[in-house]
């Protein structure tokens, strides 16, 4: 194998592929990155759960393939001087030459490397930036506890031209709807995708204008149990999670007793300031009155903080308390200058949204948050 490649193109391709490398590979070859040179260079990584493959332009002298330590290749390619890179194989070694720098890497047996899974059938496409933003809004509410795998996923529901993403860790729930272009207008599918994988993938595919989503239609077929994403010369697949997701639509209140609008930026800063005195797991208390909201944290024997902000309130006065971290996650995700908090009672979930452009319209992003009960 012998080829030349632009230094930045190599560094980008290797860094993207290396994201999939397992931290503690169950078998040594999974720590490897597979290089295959023909008319283009293909780099691959696979850990039996997630696969990644990227292609890049090269000048090929001799086609071939090799398997080398992925992490080492990533560190080397990131550190190379700004010159074209020449990659050659010599027996059980791979040589990289870049300017006056030369590196020699040992290879692993290519024949022991597992075959990457096939992409499921292409289901449709969506704008890459919108998809990345939508996934980020929802992934914040996914659980981190691997003992309940179902809660560590994002539920992807596709119905015609609408994609609905939802996740919950039992203390909050995030739901985002977006439009996409399905391959077939009657396409429907449901998948539970690991949240971390989905968030990393969506963020890393914004180089291309669109992301193609590959998923088997409801009822199974080829590619069942997998989801694939492709864009900008990159493709990745992930195994889906098993388990029945929470019936989350029943958790969203159908009507509210009141709502309050607060400037998002000022609200975020005030919550951050007030929560400085909040001990671990203690809430920030919000008292909504006509024209203002008063934020408080801390109790009699501890440090205390109080701050008031302008707020527009519709409905009765209400005192409600939230975990400050969960509240900040939601405020940072709504993507609106005005935050709207809709409540039923102080002990029932509240829903945080941006202010809709027109009254009566349903927002495409909702963040439901459980209040913390106030004693006394």
Protein backbone atom coordinates (compact mmCIF):
# COMPACT_ATOMS: atom_id res chain seq x y z
CA UNK A 1 0.00 0.00 0.00
CA UNK A 2 1.33 3.44 -0.89
CA UNK A 3 -0.52 6.75 -1.11
CA UNK A 4 -0.22 10.50 -0.49
CA UNK A 5 -2.84 12.57 1.32
CA UNK A 6 -3.30 16.17 2.47
CA UNK A 7 -2.27 16.48 6.12
CA UNK A 8 -5.49 18.20 7.29
CA UNK A 9 -7.69 15.73 5.40
CA UNK A 10 -5.90 12.83 7.11
CA UNK A 11 -6.10 14.43 10.56
CA UNK A 12 -9.85 15.15 10.17
CA UNK A 13 -10.69 11.69 8.86
CA UNK A 14 -8.65 9.90 11.53
CA UNK A 15 -10.02 12.06 14.38
CA UNK A 16 -13.61 11.44 13.28
CA UNK A 17 -13.13 7.68 12.96
CA UNK A 18 -11.26 7.44 16.28
CA UNK A 19 -14.37 8.61 18.19
CA UNK A 20 -15.77 5.10 17.81
CA UNK A 21 -12.72 3.27 19.19
CA UNK A 22 -13.56 1.47 22.45
CA UNK A 23 -11.77 2.69 25.59
CA UNK A 24 -11.29 -0.89 26.80
CA UNK A 25 -11.48 -3.11 23.71
CA UNK A 26 -12.76 -6.64 24.47
CA UNK A 27 -10.34 -7.99 21.85
CA UNK A 28 -7.09 -6.26 20.77
CA UNK A 29 -8.01 -5.83 17.08
CA UNK A 30 -10.93 -3.56 18.02
CA UNK A 31 -8.37 -0.96 19.15
CA UNK A 32 -7.29 -0.87 15.51
CA UNK A 33 -8.27 1.49 12.71
CA UNK A 34 -8.63 -0.15 9.32
CA UNK A 35 -7.05 1.68 6.37
CA UNK A 36 -8.03 0.66 2.86
CA UNK A 37 -6.52 2.49 -0.10
CA UNK A 38 -7.89 2.14 -3.64
CA UNK A 39 -9.14 5.13 -5.66
CA UNK A 40 -9.97 6.74 -2.26
CA UNK A 41 -8.87 6.09 1.30
CA UNK A 42 -11.42 4.39 3.56
CA UNK A 43 -10.87 4.53 7.32
CA UNK A 44 -13.00 2.31 9.56
CA UNK A 45 -13.52 1.63 13.26
CA UNK A 46 -15.96 -0.77 14.94
CA UNK A 47 -16.64 -1.89 18.50
CA UNK A 48 -19.52 -4.33 17.77
CA UNK A 49 -22.02 -1.62 18.85
CA UNK A 50 -21.08 1.40 16.72
CA UNK A 51 -19.24 1.49 13.41
CA UNK A 52 -17.70 4.51 11.68
CA UNK A 53 -16.33 4.83 8.18
CA UNK A 54 -15.03 7.84 6.29
CA UNK A 55 -13.54 8.24 2.83
CA UNK A 56 -10.97 10.82 1.70
CA UNK A 57 -9.22 11.83 -1.51
CA UNK A 58 -5.72 10.40 -2.02
CA UNK A 59 -3.10 9.92 -4.74
CA UNK A 60 -2.71 6.14 -4.85
CA UNK A 61 0.47 4.47 -6.06
CA UNK A 62 -0.27 0.99 -4.71
CA UNK A 63 -3.68 -0.08 -3.39
CA UNK A 64 -3.80 -2.12 -0.19
CA UNK A 65 -5.01 -2.26 3.40
CA UNK A 66 -3.62 -2.27 6.93
CA UNK A 67 -4.78 -2.29 10.55
CA UNK A 68 -2.95 -0.04 13.02
CA UNK A 69 -3.52 1.33 16.53
CA UNK A 70 -6.31 3.87 16.08
CA UNK A 71 -5.45 6.04 19.09
CA UNK A 72 -1.78 6.22 18.14
CA UNK A 73 -2.63 7.11 14.54
CA UNK A 74 -5.00 9.84 15.80
CA UNK A 75 -2.32 11.36 18.04
CA UNK A 76 0.31 11.23 15.30
CA UNK A 77 -1.88 12.65 12.53
CA UNK A 78 -2.98 15.51 14.81
CA UNK A 79 0.66 16.41 15.51
CA UNK A 80 2.08 16.26 11.97
CA UNK A 81 3.68 19.36 10.41
CA UNK A 82 1.74 21.14 7.61
CA UNK A 83 3.00 19.08 4.66
CA UNK A 84 1.49 16.30 2.50
CA UNK A 85 1.65 12.87 4.13
CA UNK A 86 3.01 9.76 2.43
CA UNK A 87 1.78 6.44 3.83
CA UNK A 88 3.43 3.13 2.85
CA UNK A 89 3.43 -0.42 4.13
CA UNK A 90 6.57 -2.47 4.58
CA UNK A 91 5.85 -6.01 5.75
CA UNK A 92 4.26 -5.77 9.20
CA UNK A 93 4.82 -2.01 9.47
CA UNK A 94 3.15 1.17 8.26
CA UNK A 95 5.31 4.23 7.64
CA UNK A 96 4.10 7.83 7.68
CA UNK A 97 6.35 10.51 6.21
CA UNK A 98 5.44 14.18 6.53
CA UNK A 99 8.09 16.77 5.80
CA UNK A 100 11.13 15.66 7.82
CA UNK A 101 8.98 13.69 10.31
CA UNK A 102 8.79 9.92 9.97
CA UNK A 103 6.72 7.49 12.03
CA UNK A 104 6.68 3.69 11.96
CA UNK A 105 3.61 1.85 13.31
CA UNK A 106 3.21 -1.86 13.87
CA UNK A 107 0.25 -3.49 12.14
CA UNK A 108 -2.31 -5.95 13.48
CA UNK A 109 -3.67 -8.89 11.48
CA UNK A 110 -6.24 -7.47 9.04
CA UNK A 111 -7.89 -10.88 8.65
CA UNK A 112 -8.92 -10.83 12.34
CA UNK A 113 -10.79 -7.53 11.97
CA UNK A 114 -14.60 -7.91 11.94
CA UNK A 115 -16.61 -6.93 8.88
CA UNK A 116 -18.49 -3.68 9.36
CA UNK A 117 -22.29 -4.05 9.38
CA UNK A 118 -24.20 -3.12 6.25
CA UNK A 119 -26.18 0.12 6.31
CA UNK A 120 -29.94 -0.44 6.73
CA UNK A 121 -32.11 0.84 3.85
CA UNK A 122 -32.06 4.64 3.38
CA UNK A 123 -35.24 6.08 4.93
CA UNK A 124 -34.86 9.81 4.24
CA UNK A 125 -32.77 12.92 4.87
CA UNK A 126 -32.75 16.01 7.07
CA UNK A 127 -30.68 19.22 7.23
CA UNK A 128 -27.51 18.41 9.20
CA UNK A 129 -27.49 21.58 11.35
CA UNK A 130 -31.15 21.26 12.30
CA UNK A 131 -30.68 17.58 13.11
CA UNK A 132 -27.64 18.26 15.31
CA UNK A 133 -29.50 21.04 17.17
CA UNK A 134 -32.61 18.87 17.68
CA UNK A 135 -30.61 15.91 19.00
CA UNK A 136 -28.67 18.16 21.39
CA UNK A 137 -31.96 19.56 22.76
CA UNK A 138 -33.24 16.07 23.54
CA UNK A 139 -30.09 14.18 24.58
CA UNK A 140 -29.68 16.36 27.71
CA UNK A 141 -32.67 14.63 29.31
CA UNK A 142 -31.47 11.06 28.69
CA UNK A 143 -30.46 8.96 31.69
CA UNK A 144 -26.83 8.19 32.50
CA UNK A 145 -27.54 5.03 34.53
CA UNK A 146 -26.57 1.96 32.49
CA UNK A 147 -28.56 -0.30 34.83
CA UNK A 148 -31.70 0.97 33.05
CA UNK A 149 -30.52 0.92 29.42
CA UNK A 150 -33.89 2.01 28.03
CA UNK A 151 -33.59 5.41 29.74
CA UNK A 152 -30.12 6.04 28.24
CA UNK A 153 -31.64 6.18 24.76
CA UNK A 154 -33.41 8.69 22.54
CA UNK A 155 -36.63 7.42 21.05
CA UNK A 156 -36.84 8.25 17.34
CA UNK A 157 -40.38 8.11 15.92
CA UNK A 158 -40.88 8.67 12.21
CA UNK A 159 -44.34 9.24 10.81
CA UNK A 160 -44.36 10.46 7.21
CA UNK A 161 -42.63 13.85 7.11
CA UNK A 162 -42.37 14.24 10.90
CA UNK A 163 -39.56 12.97 13.11
CA UNK A 164 -40.17 13.07 16.88
CA UNK A 165 -37.23 12.68 19.27
CA UNK A 166 -37.84 12.02 22.98
CA UNK A 167 -35.76 11.13 26.04
CA UNK A 168 -36.25 11.01 29.80
CA UNK A 169 -34.33 10.15 32.95
CA UNK A 170 -37.57 10.10 35.02
CA UNK A 171 -36.92 13.60 36.44
CA UNK A 172 -37.31 15.46 33.14
CA UNK A 173 -38.50 14.74 29.62
CA UNK A 174 -37.42 16.43 26.38
CA UNK A 175 -39.45 16.15 23.16
CA UNK A 176 -38.53 17.71 19.79
CA UNK A 177 -40.39 17.51 16.49
CA UNK A 178 -38.78 18.27 13.14
CA UNK A 179 -39.61 17.87 9.47
CA UNK A 180 -37.56 15.72 7.14
CA UNK A 181 -37.72 14.33 3.60
CA UNK A 182 -38.71 10.64 3.70
CA UNK A 183 -37.91 8.30 0.82
CA UNK A 184 -41.57 7.21 0.94
CA UNK A 185 -44.41 9.49 2.14
CA UNK A 186 -46.02 6.65 4.15
CA UNK A 187 -42.79 5.63 5.93
CA UNK A 188 -43.13 4.87 9.66
CA UNK A 189 -40.50 3.60 12.07
CA UNK A 190 -39.59 3.61 15.76
CA UNK A 191 -36.08 3.19 17.14
CA UNK A 192 -34.36 3.60 20.51
CA UNK A 193 -30.84 4.93 19.87
CA UNK A 194 -28.15 5.29 22.58
CA UNK A 195 -28.24 9.02 23.41
CA UNK A 196 -24.48 9.54 23.61
CA UNK A 197 -23.90 7.84 20.25
CA UNK A 198 -26.71 9.83 18.62
CA UNK A 199 -25.48 13.16 20.03
CA UNK A 200 -21.85 12.53 19.02
CA UNK A 201 -22.90 11.38 15.54
CA UNK A 202 -25.30 14.26 14.85
CA UNK A 203 -22.70 16.83 15.95
CA UNK A 204 -19.99 15.23 13.81
CA UNK A 205 -22.03 15.10 10.58
CA UNK A 206 -22.57 18.85 10.15
CA UNK A 207 -19.77 19.06 7.53
CA UNK A 208 -22.29 18.02 4.85
CA UNK A 209 -25.53 19.96 4.21
CA UNK A 210 -27.75 16.93 4.84
CA UNK A 211 -27.75 13.77 6.91
CA UNK A 212 -29.21 10.61 5.42
CA UNK A 213 -30.90 8.36 7.99
CA UNK A 214 -30.99 4.62 7.28
CA UNK A 215 -33.53 2.61 9.23
CA UNK A 216 -35.73 -0.41 8.64
CA UNK A 217 -39.46 0.38 8.40
CA UNK A 218 -41.78 -0.68 11.19
CA UNK A 219 -42.35 -4.40 10.98
CA UNK A 220 -38.69 -5.28 10.50
CA UNK A 221 -36.87 -6.32 7.38
CA UNK A 222 -33.27 -5.78 6.33
CA UNK A 223 -31.19 -3.83 8.82
CA UNK A 224 -33.49 -4.54 11.76
CA UNK A 225 -31.90 -3.66 15.10
CA UNK A 226 -29.61 -1.04 13.49
CA UNK A 227 -29.72 2.61 12.53
CA UNK A 228 -27.34 4.31 10.12
CA UNK A 229 -26.36 7.92 9.42
CA UNK A 230 -24.38 9.27 6.48
CA UNK A 231 -23.28 12.71 5.30
CA UNK A 232 -20.24 14.53 3.96
CA UNK A 233 -18.39 11.31 3.06
CA UNK A 234 -18.92 9.86 6.55
CA UNK A 235 -21.16 6.98 7.57
CA UNK A 236 -21.86 5.42 10.94
CA UNK A 237 -24.12 2.67 12.23
CA UNK A 238 -25.33 1.93 15.74
CA UNK A 239 -27.03 -1.02 17.33
CA UNK A 240 -30.43 -0.07 18.76
CA UNK A 241 -31.43 -0.48 22.40
CA UNK A 242 -34.07 -3.01 23.39
CA UNK A 243 -36.97 -2.29 25.70
CA UNK A 244 -40.28 -0.46 25.73
CA UNK A 245 -39.87 3.27 26.10
CA UNK A 246 -41.98 5.26 28.55
CA UNK A 247 -45.40 6.28 27.18
CA UNK A 248 -44.17 9.84 27.33
CA UNK A 249 -47.06 11.60 25.59
CA UNK A 250 -49.31 10.85 28.58
CA UNK A 251 -46.84 12.74 30.82
CA UNK A 252 -47.27 16.04 28.95
CA UNK A 253 -50.15 18.03 30.52
CA UNK A 254 -53.02 18.78 28.14
CA UNK A 255 -53.93 22.02 29.96
CA UNK A 256 -52.27 24.43 32.36
CA UNK A 257 -53.39 26.58 35.30
CA UNK A 258 -50.93 29.33 34.43
CA UNK A 259 -47.84 30.36 32.53
CA UNK A 260 -44.97 32.79 32.91
CA UNK A 261 -42.67 34.39 30.34
CA UNK A 262 -39.14 35.41 31.39
CA UNK A 263 -36.17 36.68 29.33
CA UNK A 264 -34.06 33.53 28.82
CA UNK A 265 -30.58 35.08 29.14
CA UNK A 266 -31.39 36.94 32.36
CA UNK A 267 -33.15 33.84 33.78
CA UNK A 268 -30.09 31.63 33.10
CA UNK A 269 -27.70 34.10 34.74
CA UNK A 270 -29.95 34.53 37.77
CA UNK A 271 -30.36 30.76 38.28
CA UNK A 272 -26.56 30.34 38.05
CA UNK A 273 -25.97 33.09 40.64
CA UNK A 274 -28.64 31.98 43.09
CA UNK A 275 -27.68 28.30 42.86
CA UNK A 276 -24.13 29.11 44.02
CA UNK A 277 -25.43 28.78 47.60
CA UNK A 278 -27.56 25.70 46.87
CA UNK A 279 -26.05 22.68 48.57
CA UNK A 280 -25.88 19.48 46.56
CA UNK A 281 -29.38 18.27 45.60
CA UNK A 282 -31.13 21.31 47.06
CA UNK A 283 -33.52 23.21 44.82
CA UNK A 284 -33.87 26.77 43.59
CA UNK A 285 -37.25 28.17 44.63
CA UNK A 286 -39.21 30.31 42.17
CA UNK A 287 -42.04 32.57 43.39
CA UNK A 288 -44.06 33.92 40.48
CA UNK A 289 -46.13 37.03 41.17
CA UNK A 290 -47.68 39.60 38.85
CA UNK A 291 -44.80 41.26 37.00
CA UNK A 292 -41.92 39.37 38.61
CA UNK A 293 -40.34 36.11 39.69
CA UNK A 294 -38.25 35.88 42.86
CA UNK A 295 -35.50 33.23 42.88
CA UNK A 296 -34.23 31.92 46.22
CA UNK A 297 -31.81 29.23 47.38
CA UNK A 298 -30.38 28.22 50.74
CA UNK A 299 -32.16 27.90 54.08
CA UNK A 300 -32.01 29.59 57.48
CA UNK A 301 -28.81 28.00 58.82
CA UNK A 302 -26.89 28.16 55.52
CA UNK A 303 -25.80 30.70 52.94
CA UNK A 304 -28.77 32.24 51.17
CA UNK A 305 -29.40 34.07 47.91
CA UNK A 306 -32.38 36.01 46.57
CA UNK A 307 -32.85 37.71 43.19
CA UNK A 308 -35.88 39.17 41.42
CA UNK A 309 -36.51 39.29 37.66
CA UNK A 310 -39.24 40.75 35.50
CA UNK A 311 -41.78 38.14 34.42
CA UNK A 312 -45.16 38.16 32.71
CA UNK A 313 -47.57 35.92 34.59
CA UNK A 314 -50.92 34.62 33.39
CA UNK A 315 -52.92 32.81 36.06
CA UNK A 316 -52.58 32.65 39.85
CA UNK A 317 -49.40 33.29 41.86
CA UNK A 318 -47.34 30.12 42.28
CA UNK A 319 -44.33 28.96 44.33
CA UNK A 320 -42.43 26.10 42.72
CA UNK A 321 -38.92 24.66 43.10
CA UNK A 322 -36.57 22.84 40.72
CA UNK A 323 -33.21 21.15 40.63
CA UNK A 324 -31.06 24.06 39.34
CA UNK A 325 -28.98 21.84 37.01
CA UNK A 326 -32.09 20.43 35.34
CA UNK A 327 -33.62 23.91 35.03
CA UNK A 328 -30.43 25.32 33.45
CA UNK A 329 -30.26 22.39 30.98
CA UNK A 330 -33.76 23.20 29.78
CA UNK A 331 -33.25 26.97 29.61
CA UNK A 332 -30.06 26.50 27.60
CA UNK A 333 -31.81 24.14 25.16
CA UNK A 334 -34.99 26.03 24.25
CA UNK A 335 -33.28 28.22 21.63
CA UNK A 336 -35.52 31.23 22.27
CA UNK A 337 -35.02 34.74 23.73
CA UNK A 338 -38.09 34.22 25.90
CA UNK A 339 -38.59 31.22 28.18
CA UNK A 340 -42.16 30.14 28.85
CA UNK A 341 -42.86 28.04 31.94
CA UNK A 342 -46.33 26.48 32.01
CA UNK A 343 -47.59 24.99 35.30
CA UNK A 344 -50.53 23.08 36.70
CA UNK A 345 -49.73 22.89 40.46
CA UNK A 346 -46.52 23.32 42.53
CA UNK A 347 -46.16 19.53 42.86
CA UNK A 348 -46.89 18.51 39.27
CA UNK A 349 -44.50 18.70 36.30
CA UNK A 350 -44.03 22.06 34.59
CA UNK A 351 -43.24 22.44 30.89
CA UNK A 352 -40.52 24.77 29.65
CA UNK A 353 -40.67 25.99 26.04
CA UNK A 354 -39.68 28.98 23.98
CA UNK A 355 -42.40 31.56 23.41
CA UNK A 356 -44.25 30.46 20.27
CA UNK A 357 -44.09 32.91 17.32
CA UNK A 358 -47.89 33.04 17.33
CA UNK A 359 -50.14 32.44 20.30
CA UNK A 360 -51.93 29.11 20.16
CA UNK A 361 -49.17 27.44 18.13
CA UNK A 362 -47.58 24.34 19.57
CA UNK A 363 -43.83 24.73 20.14
CA UNK A 364 -41.66 22.12 18.40
CA UNK A 365 -39.57 21.65 21.59
CA UNK A 366 -40.91 20.89 25.05
CA UNK A 367 -38.91 20.24 28.19
CA UNK A 368 -40.96 18.79 31.05
CA UNK A 369 -39.37 19.08 34.48
CA UNK A 370 -40.45 17.57 37.81
CA UNK A 371 -40.60 20.08 40.65
CA UNK A 372 -38.93 19.43 44.01
CA UNK A 373 -41.43 19.34 46.88
CA UNK A 374 -41.01 22.20 49.29
CA UNK A 375 -41.22 21.27 52.95
CA UNK A 376 -43.53 23.14 55.22
